[in-house]
Amino acid sequence: MKTAKRIFVNLPVSDLSSSVDFFTELGFAFDGQFTGDHASCMIIGENMFAMLLREEYFQKFIPGKEIVDSERSAEVVVALSVDCREEVDNTMARALAAGGCECRTATDAGWMYGRAFQDLDGHVWEIFSVDAKRMEKDMNGHKK
C-alpha cells in the first residue's frame, strides 16, 4: 500500500449528541458530509478525522466482537500533537470543563510535554507538544 490519503479513527459513543457537544467545547469542528443520525465526523486536522459512531452502529463494523469496556480496558490512545505546552494545558482545561477526566499525570521530558484525558465514553486522548530544537540539543548532548 502506498501512503494513505486520509485517516478515519472510528470510535463508539453511547450518546452521539453529548459527544459532539464535548468535542465542540474542545474546539473541534464536524464535517456535515460524513455526519448523520448514526455518526458524526470530527475534523482533527488536515486529512485526519474521528468518526464518532453510535455504539449499535459501530457494532456493525465489528461483527462477532464486543465493544471494549473503556472503564476496564483500552484499545487505543489517540495522540494529537499541538504547537506548544500552553496549547496542551488549554486543551486539557477545556476537556475537564466539558466533562472529561484526567487519566494520568503530565509527562515532561523537557523537550516533550503531554497530558491525557478520557472523553465521555472513556476513550483516551493524549495531547502533547514537542520542542524540536530542544529535543535535538538534548539528544546531541547525550551522545558519547
N, C-alpha and C. Protein backbone atom coordinates (compact mmCIF):
# COMPACT_ATOMS: atom_id res chain seq x y z
N MET A 1 0.84 -1.18 0.00
CA MET A 1 0.00 0.00 0.00
C MET A 1 0.88 1.24 0.00
N LYS A 2 0.51 2.16 -0.81
CA LYS A 2 1.17 3.46 -0.79
C LYS A 2 0.66 4.22 0.43
N THR A 3 1.11 5.40 0.62
CA THR A 3 0.66 6.22 1.74
C THR A 3 -0.84 6.49 1.64
N ALA A 4 -1.53 6.33 2.74
CA ALA A 4 -2.97 6.60 2.78
C ALA A 4 -3.23 8.08 2.59
N LYS A 5 -4.38 8.40 2.04
CA LYS A 5 -4.74 9.79 1.78
C LYS A 5 -5.39 10.46 2.98
N ARG A 6 -6.10 9.67 3.77
CA ARG A 6 -6.79 10.20 4.96
C ARG A 6 -6.80 9.12 6.03
N ILE A 7 -7.02 9.53 7.26
CA ILE A 7 -7.23 8.57 8.33
C ILE A 7 -8.55 8.90 9.01
N PHE A 8 -9.35 7.87 9.20
CA PHE A 8 -10.62 7.95 9.92
C PHE A 8 -10.53 6.98 11.09
N VAL A 9 -10.44 7.50 12.31
CA VAL A 9 -10.46 6.67 13.50
C VAL A 9 -11.92 6.53 13.92
N ASN A 10 -12.40 5.30 14.01
CA ASN A 10 -13.80 5.05 14.37
C ASN A 10 -13.91 4.76 15.86
N LEU A 11 -14.75 5.52 16.54
CA LEU A 11 -14.91 5.36 17.99
C LEU A 11 -16.39 5.19 18.34
N PRO A 12 -16.70 4.17 19.14
CA PRO A 12 -18.09 4.01 19.58
C PRO A 12 -18.42 5.03 20.68
N VAL A 13 -19.62 5.59 20.62
CA VAL A 13 -20.07 6.54 21.64
C VAL A 13 -21.47 6.16 22.09
N SER A 14 -21.74 6.36 23.35
CA SER A 14 -23.06 6.00 23.88
C SER A 14 -24.10 7.06 23.58
N ASP A 15 -23.69 8.32 23.54
CA ASP A 15 -24.62 9.42 23.28
C ASP A 15 -23.96 10.35 22.26
N LEU A 16 -24.35 10.22 21.01
CA LEU A 16 -23.71 10.96 19.92
C LEU A 16 -23.78 12.47 20.13
N SER A 17 -24.94 12.96 20.50
CA SER A 17 -25.12 14.40 20.69
C SER A 17 -24.20 14.94 21.79
N SER A 18 -24.12 14.22 22.91
CA SER A 18 -23.25 14.66 24.01
C SER A 18 -21.79 14.62 23.60
N SER A 19 -21.40 13.61 22.82
CA SER A 19 -20.01 13.53 22.35
C SER A 19 -19.68 14.68 21.42
N VAL A 20 -20.59 15.01 20.52
CA VAL A 20 -20.38 16.14 19.62
C VAL A 20 -20.25 17.43 20.43
N ASP A 21 -21.11 17.61 21.42
CA ASP A 21 -21.03 18.79 22.27
C ASP A 21 -19.69 18.86 23.00
N PHE A 22 -19.25 17.72 23.54
CA PHE A 22 -17.97 17.65 24.26
C PHE A 22 -16.82 18.10 23.37
N PHE A 23 -16.71 17.51 22.19
CA PHE A 23 -15.59 17.85 21.32
C PHE A 23 -15.71 19.23 20.70
N THR A 24 -16.93 19.73 20.56
CA THR A 24 -17.12 21.11 20.11
C THR A 24 -16.55 22.06 21.15
N GLU A 25 -16.75 21.74 22.44
CA GLU A 25 -16.18 22.56 23.52
C GLU A 25 -14.66 22.58 23.47
N LEU A 26 -14.05 21.53 22.94
CA LEU A 26 -12.60 21.49 22.82
C LEU A 26 -12.11 22.23 21.59
N GLY A 27 -13.04 22.67 20.74
CA GLY A 27 -12.68 23.46 19.57
C GLY A 27 -12.70 22.70 18.26
N PHE A 28 -13.16 21.45 18.27
CA PHE A 28 -13.21 20.68 17.03
C PHE A 28 -14.47 21.03 16.24
N ALA A 29 -14.36 20.91 14.92
CA ALA A 29 -15.49 21.11 14.02
C ALA A 29 -15.88 19.75 13.44
N PHE A 30 -17.04 19.71 12.79
CA PHE A 30 -17.56 18.46 12.24
C PHE A 30 -17.87 18.64 10.76
N ASP A 31 -17.63 17.58 9.98
CA ASP A 31 -17.86 17.58 8.55
C ASP A 31 -19.26 17.03 8.28
N GLY A 32 -20.14 17.89 7.81
CA GLY A 32 -21.52 17.50 7.55
C GLY A 32 -21.66 16.44 6.48
N GLN A 33 -20.69 16.33 5.59
CA GLN A 33 -20.75 15.32 4.53
C GLN A 33 -20.75 13.90 5.09
N PHE A 34 -20.09 13.70 6.22
CA PHE A 34 -19.99 12.37 6.84
C PHE A 34 -20.69 12.34 8.19
N THR A 35 -21.73 13.11 8.34
CA THR A 35 -22.45 13.20 9.60
C THR A 35 -23.93 12.92 9.35
N GLY A 36 -24.51 12.15 10.26
CA GLY A 36 -25.93 11.82 10.15
C GLY A 36 -26.48 11.36 11.47
N ASP A 37 -27.54 10.58 11.43
CA ASP A 37 -28.19 10.10 12.66
C ASP A 37 -27.34 9.12 13.45
N HIS A 38 -26.46 8.38 12.76
CA HIS A 38 -25.70 7.32 13.41
C HIS A 38 -24.24 7.67 13.65
N ALA A 39 -23.77 8.76 13.05
CA ALA A 39 -22.35 9.09 13.13
C ALA A 39 -22.12 10.57 12.91
N SER A 40 -21.00 11.06 13.46
CA SER A 40 -20.54 12.43 13.21
C SER A 40 -19.05 12.37 12.94
N CYS A 41 -18.64 13.09 11.92
CA CYS A 41 -17.24 13.11 11.50
C CYS A 41 -16.54 14.33 12.09
N MET A 42 -15.69 14.09 13.09
CA MET A 42 -14.95 15.16 13.73
C MET A 42 -13.66 15.42 12.96
N ILE A 43 -13.41 16.67 12.64
CA ILE A 43 -12.20 17.06 11.92
C ILE A 43 -11.09 17.30 12.94
N ILE A 44 -10.07 16.46 12.88
CA ILE A 44 -8.93 16.59 13.80
C ILE A 44 -7.87 17.49 13.18
N GLY A 45 -7.64 17.33 11.91
CA GLY A 45 -6.63 18.11 11.21
C GLY A 45 -6.75 17.82 9.73
N GLU A 46 -5.78 18.29 8.97
CA GLU A 46 -5.82 18.05 7.54
C GLU A 46 -5.76 16.55 7.27
N ASN A 47 -6.80 16.02 6.67
CA ASN A 47 -6.91 14.59 6.33
C ASN A 47 -6.92 13.66 7.54
N MET A 48 -7.30 14.19 8.71
CA MET A 48 -7.39 13.39 9.94
C MET A 48 -8.77 13.58 10.55
N PHE A 49 -9.46 12.48 10.79
CA PHE A 49 -10.83 12.54 11.26
C PHE A 49 -11.09 11.47 12.31
N ALA A 50 -12.03 11.75 13.20
CA ALA A 50 -12.55 10.73 14.11
C ALA A 50 -14.03 10.59 13.81
N MET A 51 -14.42 9.38 13.51
CA MET A 51 -15.84 9.08 13.29
C MET A 51 -16.42 8.66 14.63
N LEU A 52 -17.30 9.49 15.16
CA LEU A 52 -17.99 9.16 16.40
C LEU A 52 -19.25 8.41 16.00
N LEU A 53 -19.31 7.13 16.33
CA LEU A 53 -20.39 6.26 15.88
C LEU A 53 -21.23 5.78 17.06
N ARG A 54 -22.54 5.90 16.94
CA ARG A 54 -23.40 5.31 17.97
C ARG A 54 -22.99 3.86 18.14
N GLU A 55 -22.99 3.37 19.39
CA GLU A 55 -22.50 2.03 19.67
C GLU A 55 -23.14 0.96 18.79
N GLU A 56 -24.47 1.02 18.62
CA GLU A 56 -25.15 -0.01 17.82
C GLU A 56 -24.70 0.05 16.35
N TYR A 57 -24.37 1.22 15.87
CA TYR A 57 -23.88 1.37 14.51
C TYR A 57 -22.43 0.88 14.41
N PHE A 58 -21.61 1.23 15.38
CA PHE A 58 -20.22 0.78 15.44
C PHE A 58 -20.16 -0.74 15.42
N GLN A 59 -21.09 -1.37 16.14
CA GLN A 59 -21.11 -2.83 16.25
C GLN A 59 -21.20 -3.50 14.87
N LYS A 60 -21.82 -2.85 13.91
CA LYS A 60 -21.94 -3.40 12.56
C LYS A 60 -20.58 -3.53 11.87
N PHE A 61 -19.60 -2.75 12.30
CA PHE A 61 -18.27 -2.79 11.70
C PHE A 61 -17.39 -3.88 12.31
N ILE A 62 -17.82 -4.45 13.43
CA ILE A 62 -17.02 -5.45 14.13
C ILE A 62 -17.85 -6.70 14.44
N PRO A 63 -18.45 -7.32 13.43
CA PRO A 63 -19.31 -8.48 13.69
C PRO A 63 -18.56 -9.57 14.46
N GLY A 64 -19.23 -10.13 15.46
CA GLY A 64 -18.63 -11.20 16.25
C GLY A 64 -17.71 -10.73 17.35
N LYS A 65 -17.50 -9.42 17.48
CA LYS A 65 -16.64 -8.88 18.54
C LYS A 65 -17.46 -7.96 19.43
N GLU A 66 -16.96 -7.81 20.65
CA GLU A 66 -17.60 -6.89 21.59
C GLU A 66 -16.89 -5.55 21.57
N ILE A 67 -17.63 -4.52 21.88
CA ILE A 67 -17.03 -3.20 22.09
C ILE A 67 -16.29 -3.24 23.42
N VAL A 68 -15.08 -2.75 23.43
CA VAL A 68 -14.27 -2.74 24.65
C VAL A 68 -14.96 -1.92 25.73
N ASP A 69 -14.97 -2.44 26.95
CA ASP A 69 -15.48 -1.71 28.11
C ASP A 69 -14.39 -0.73 28.54
N SER A 70 -14.55 0.54 28.20
CA SER A 70 -13.50 1.52 28.45
C SER A 70 -13.28 1.83 29.93
N GLU A 71 -14.16 1.36 30.79
CA GLU A 71 -13.93 1.50 32.23
C GLU A 71 -12.87 0.52 32.70
N ARG A 72 -12.73 -0.61 31.99
CA ARG A 72 -11.79 -1.66 32.41
C ARG A 72 -10.62 -1.84 31.45
N SER A 73 -10.79 -1.48 30.20
CA SER A 73 -9.78 -1.75 29.19
C SER A 73 -9.62 -0.57 28.25
N ALA A 74 -8.50 -0.57 27.53
CA ALA A 74 -8.28 0.44 26.49
C ALA A 74 -7.74 -0.28 25.27
N GLU A 75 -8.19 0.12 24.11
CA GLU A 75 -7.71 -0.50 22.90
C GLU A 75 -6.81 0.45 22.11
N VAL A 76 -6.97 1.73 22.33
CA VAL A 76 -6.18 2.69 21.58
C VAL A 76 -6.03 3.97 22.42
N VAL A 77 -4.93 4.67 22.20
CA VAL A 77 -4.74 6.02 22.73
C VAL A 77 -4.61 6.91 21.51
N VAL A 78 -5.49 7.88 21.37
CA VAL A 78 -5.42 8.81 20.25
C VAL A 78 -4.51 9.95 20.70
N ALA A 79 -3.34 10.05 20.08
CA ALA A 79 -2.35 11.05 20.47
C ALA A 79 -2.31 12.16 19.41
N LEU A 80 -2.50 13.38 19.88
CA LEU A 80 -2.53 14.54 18.99
C LEU A 80 -1.42 15.50 19.38
N SER A 81 -0.60 15.88 18.42
CA SER A 81 0.45 16.84 18.71
C SER A 81 -0.06 18.24 18.44
N VAL A 82 0.32 19.15 19.31
CA VAL A 82 -0.04 20.56 19.18
C VAL A 82 1.25 21.38 19.21
N ASP A 83 1.13 22.68 19.02
CA ASP A 83 2.31 23.53 18.83
C ASP A 83 3.13 23.81 20.09
N CYS A 84 2.48 23.87 21.26
CA CYS A 84 3.22 24.29 22.45
C CYS A 84 2.58 23.76 23.73
N ARG A 85 3.33 23.87 24.83
CA ARG A 85 2.87 23.41 26.14
C ARG A 85 1.56 24.09 26.54
N GLU A 86 1.47 25.39 26.26
CA GLU A 86 0.27 26.13 26.64
C GLU A 86 -0.97 25.55 25.95
N GLU A 87 -0.81 25.13 24.70
CA GLU A 87 -1.93 24.53 23.99
C GLU A 87 -2.31 23.18 24.61
N VAL A 88 -1.31 22.44 25.08
CA VAL A 88 -1.59 21.19 25.79
C VAL A 88 -2.46 21.49 27.01
N ASP A 89 -2.01 22.44 27.83
CA ASP A 89 -2.72 22.78 29.06
C ASP A 89 -4.10 23.37 28.78
N ASN A 90 -4.20 24.21 27.76
CA ASN A 90 -5.51 24.81 27.41
C ASN A 90 -6.49 23.75 26.94
N THR A 91 -6.02 22.82 26.11
CA THR A 91 -6.89 21.74 25.64
C THR A 91 -7.34 20.88 26.81
N MET A 92 -6.42 20.60 27.71
CA MET A 92 -6.76 19.79 28.89
C MET A 92 -7.80 20.50 29.74
N ALA A 93 -7.63 21.79 29.95
CA ALA A 93 -8.59 22.56 30.75
C ALA A 93 -9.98 22.52 30.11
N ARG A 94 -10.04 22.66 28.78
CA ARG A 94 -11.33 22.60 28.09
C ARG A 94 -11.95 21.21 28.20
N ALA A 95 -11.12 20.17 28.10
CA ALA A 95 -11.63 18.79 28.23
C ALA A 95 -12.22 18.56 29.61
N LEU A 96 -11.54 19.01 30.64
CA LEU A 96 -12.04 18.83 32.01
C LEU A 96 -13.31 19.64 32.23
N ALA A 97 -13.35 20.86 31.72
CA ALA A 97 -14.54 21.70 31.88
C ALA A 97 -15.75 21.12 31.14
N ALA A 98 -15.50 20.39 30.06
CA ALA A 98 -16.58 19.81 29.26
C ALA A 98 -17.04 18.46 29.79
N GLY A 99 -16.41 17.95 30.85
CA GLY A 99 -16.85 16.69 31.45
C GLY A 99 -15.90 15.53 31.32
N GLY A 100 -14.75 15.75 30.68
CA GLY A 100 -13.74 14.69 30.59
C GLY A 100 -13.00 14.56 31.91
N CYS A 101 -12.16 13.56 32.01
CA CYS A 101 -11.37 13.41 33.23
C CYS A 101 -9.92 13.11 32.89
N GLU A 102 -9.03 13.65 33.71
CA GLU A 102 -7.61 13.42 33.50
C GLU A 102 -7.32 11.97 33.87
N CYS A 103 -6.56 11.27 33.02
CA CYS A 103 -6.34 9.86 33.29
C CYS A 103 -4.89 9.53 33.63
N ARG A 104 -4.04 10.53 33.67
CA ARG A 104 -2.68 10.32 34.16
C ARG A 104 -2.05 11.69 34.40
N THR A 105 -0.99 11.69 35.17
CA THR A 105 -0.30 12.95 35.42
C THR A 105 0.46 13.37 34.16
N ALA A 106 0.80 14.63 34.11
CA ALA A 106 1.53 15.17 32.96
C ALA A 106 2.89 14.49 32.84
N THR A 107 3.34 14.30 31.61
CA THR A 107 4.69 13.80 31.35
C THR A 107 5.49 14.96 30.80
N ASP A 108 6.69 15.13 31.34
CA ASP A 108 7.53 16.25 30.94
C ASP A 108 8.97 15.79 30.80
N ALA A 109 9.41 15.64 29.55
CA ALA A 109 10.79 15.25 29.28
C ALA A 109 11.63 16.47 28.93
N GLY A 110 11.09 17.64 29.21
CA GLY A 110 11.79 18.88 28.85
C GLY A 110 11.45 19.27 27.42
N TRP A 111 11.84 18.45 26.48
CA TRP A 111 11.59 18.71 25.07
C TRP A 111 10.23 18.19 24.61
N MET A 112 9.62 17.31 25.41
CA MET A 112 8.28 16.81 25.09
C MET A 112 7.42 16.89 26.35
N TYR A 113 6.20 17.40 26.16
CA TYR A 113 5.28 17.60 27.27
C TYR A 113 3.92 17.07 26.84
N GLY A 114 3.29 16.30 27.69
CA GLY A 114 1.99 15.75 27.33
C GLY A 114 1.09 15.51 28.52
N ARG A 115 -0.20 15.50 28.23
CA ARG A 115 -1.23 15.19 29.22
C ARG A 115 -2.27 14.34 28.53
N ALA A 116 -3.07 13.64 29.33
CA ALA A 116 -4.07 12.76 28.73
C ALA A 116 -5.38 12.86 29.49
N PHE A 117 -6.48 12.75 28.73
CA PHE A 117 -7.80 12.74 29.33
C PHE A 117 -8.65 11.65 28.70
N GLN A 118 -9.70 11.31 29.40
CA GLN A 118 -10.71 10.40 28.87
C GLN A 118 -11.91 11.24 28.49
N ASP A 119 -12.48 10.94 27.31
CA ASP A 119 -13.69 11.63 26.89
C ASP A 119 -14.90 11.04 27.61
N LEU A 120 -16.09 11.43 27.23
CA LEU A 120 -17.31 10.99 27.91
C LEU A 120 -17.52 9.48 27.84
N ASP A 121 -16.92 8.83 26.85
CA ASP A 121 -17.06 7.38 26.69
C ASP A 121 -15.83 6.62 27.15
N GLY A 122 -14.88 7.31 27.76
CA GLY A 122 -13.70 6.65 28.30
C GLY A 122 -12.56 6.46 27.32
N HIS A 123 -12.69 6.99 26.09
CA HIS A 123 -11.59 6.90 25.13
C HIS A 123 -10.47 7.82 25.60
N VAL A 124 -9.23 7.34 25.48
CA VAL A 124 -8.07 8.09 25.97
C VAL A 124 -7.50 8.95 24.83
N TRP A 125 -7.34 10.23 25.13
CA TRP A 125 -6.78 11.20 24.20
C TRP A 125 -5.54 11.81 24.85
N GLU A 126 -4.41 11.70 24.19
CA GLU A 126 -3.19 12.33 24.68
C GLU A 126 -2.92 13.57 23.83
N ILE A 127 -2.66 14.66 24.50
CA ILE A 127 -2.31 15.91 23.83
C ILE A 127 -0.86 16.20 24.21
N PHE A 128 0.00 16.38 23.21
CA PHE A 128 1.41 16.59 23.53
C PHE A 128 2.04 17.61 22.58
N SER A 129 3.14 18.18 23.04
CA SER A 129 3.91 19.09 22.20
C SER A 129 5.38 18.68 22.26
N VAL A 130 6.07 18.92 21.17
CA VAL A 130 7.49 18.60 21.08
C VAL A 130 8.23 19.87 20.66
N ASP A 131 9.26 20.20 21.42
CA ASP A 131 10.14 21.31 21.06
C ASP A 131 11.33 20.70 20.32
N ALA A 132 11.26 20.70 18.99
CA ALA A 132 12.25 20.01 18.15
C ALA A 132 13.67 20.53 18.40
N LYS A 133 13.81 21.83 18.58
CA LYS A 133 15.15 22.39 18.80
C LYS A 133 15.72 21.90 20.13
N ARG A 134 14.89 21.90 21.15
CA ARG A 134 15.35 21.43 22.46
C ARG A 134 15.61 19.92 22.42
N MET A 135 14.78 19.18 21.69
CA MET A 135 14.98 17.74 21.57
C MET A 135 16.34 17.46 20.92
N GLU A 136 16.64 18.16 19.83
CA GLU A 136 17.91 17.96 19.15
C GLU A 136 19.08 18.28 20.08
N LYS A 137 18.97 19.39 20.81
CA LYS A 137 20.02 19.78 21.74
C LYS A 137 20.19 18.73 22.83
N ASP A 138 19.08 18.26 23.41
CA ASP A 138 19.14 17.25 24.46
C ASP A 138 19.71 15.94 23.93
N MET A 139 19.27 15.53 22.75
CA MET A 139 19.73 14.27 22.17
C MET A 139 21.22 14.35 21.80
N ASN A 140 21.64 15.47 21.24
CA ASN A 140 23.06 15.62 20.88
C ASN A 140 23.94 15.70 22.12
N GLY A 141 23.39 16.26 23.20
CA GLY A 141 24.14 16.35 24.44
C GLY A 141 24.33 15.01 25.10
N HIS A 142 23.52 14.02 24.76
CA HIS A 142 23.61 12.69 25.35
C HIS A 142 24.45 11.72 24.52
N LYS A 143 24.91 12.18 23.35
CA LYS A 143 25.75 11.31 22.52
C LYS A 143 27.15 11.22 23.12
N LYS A 144 27.76 10.07 22.99
CA LYS A 144 29.12 9.89 23.52
C LYS A 144 30.10 9.79 22.38
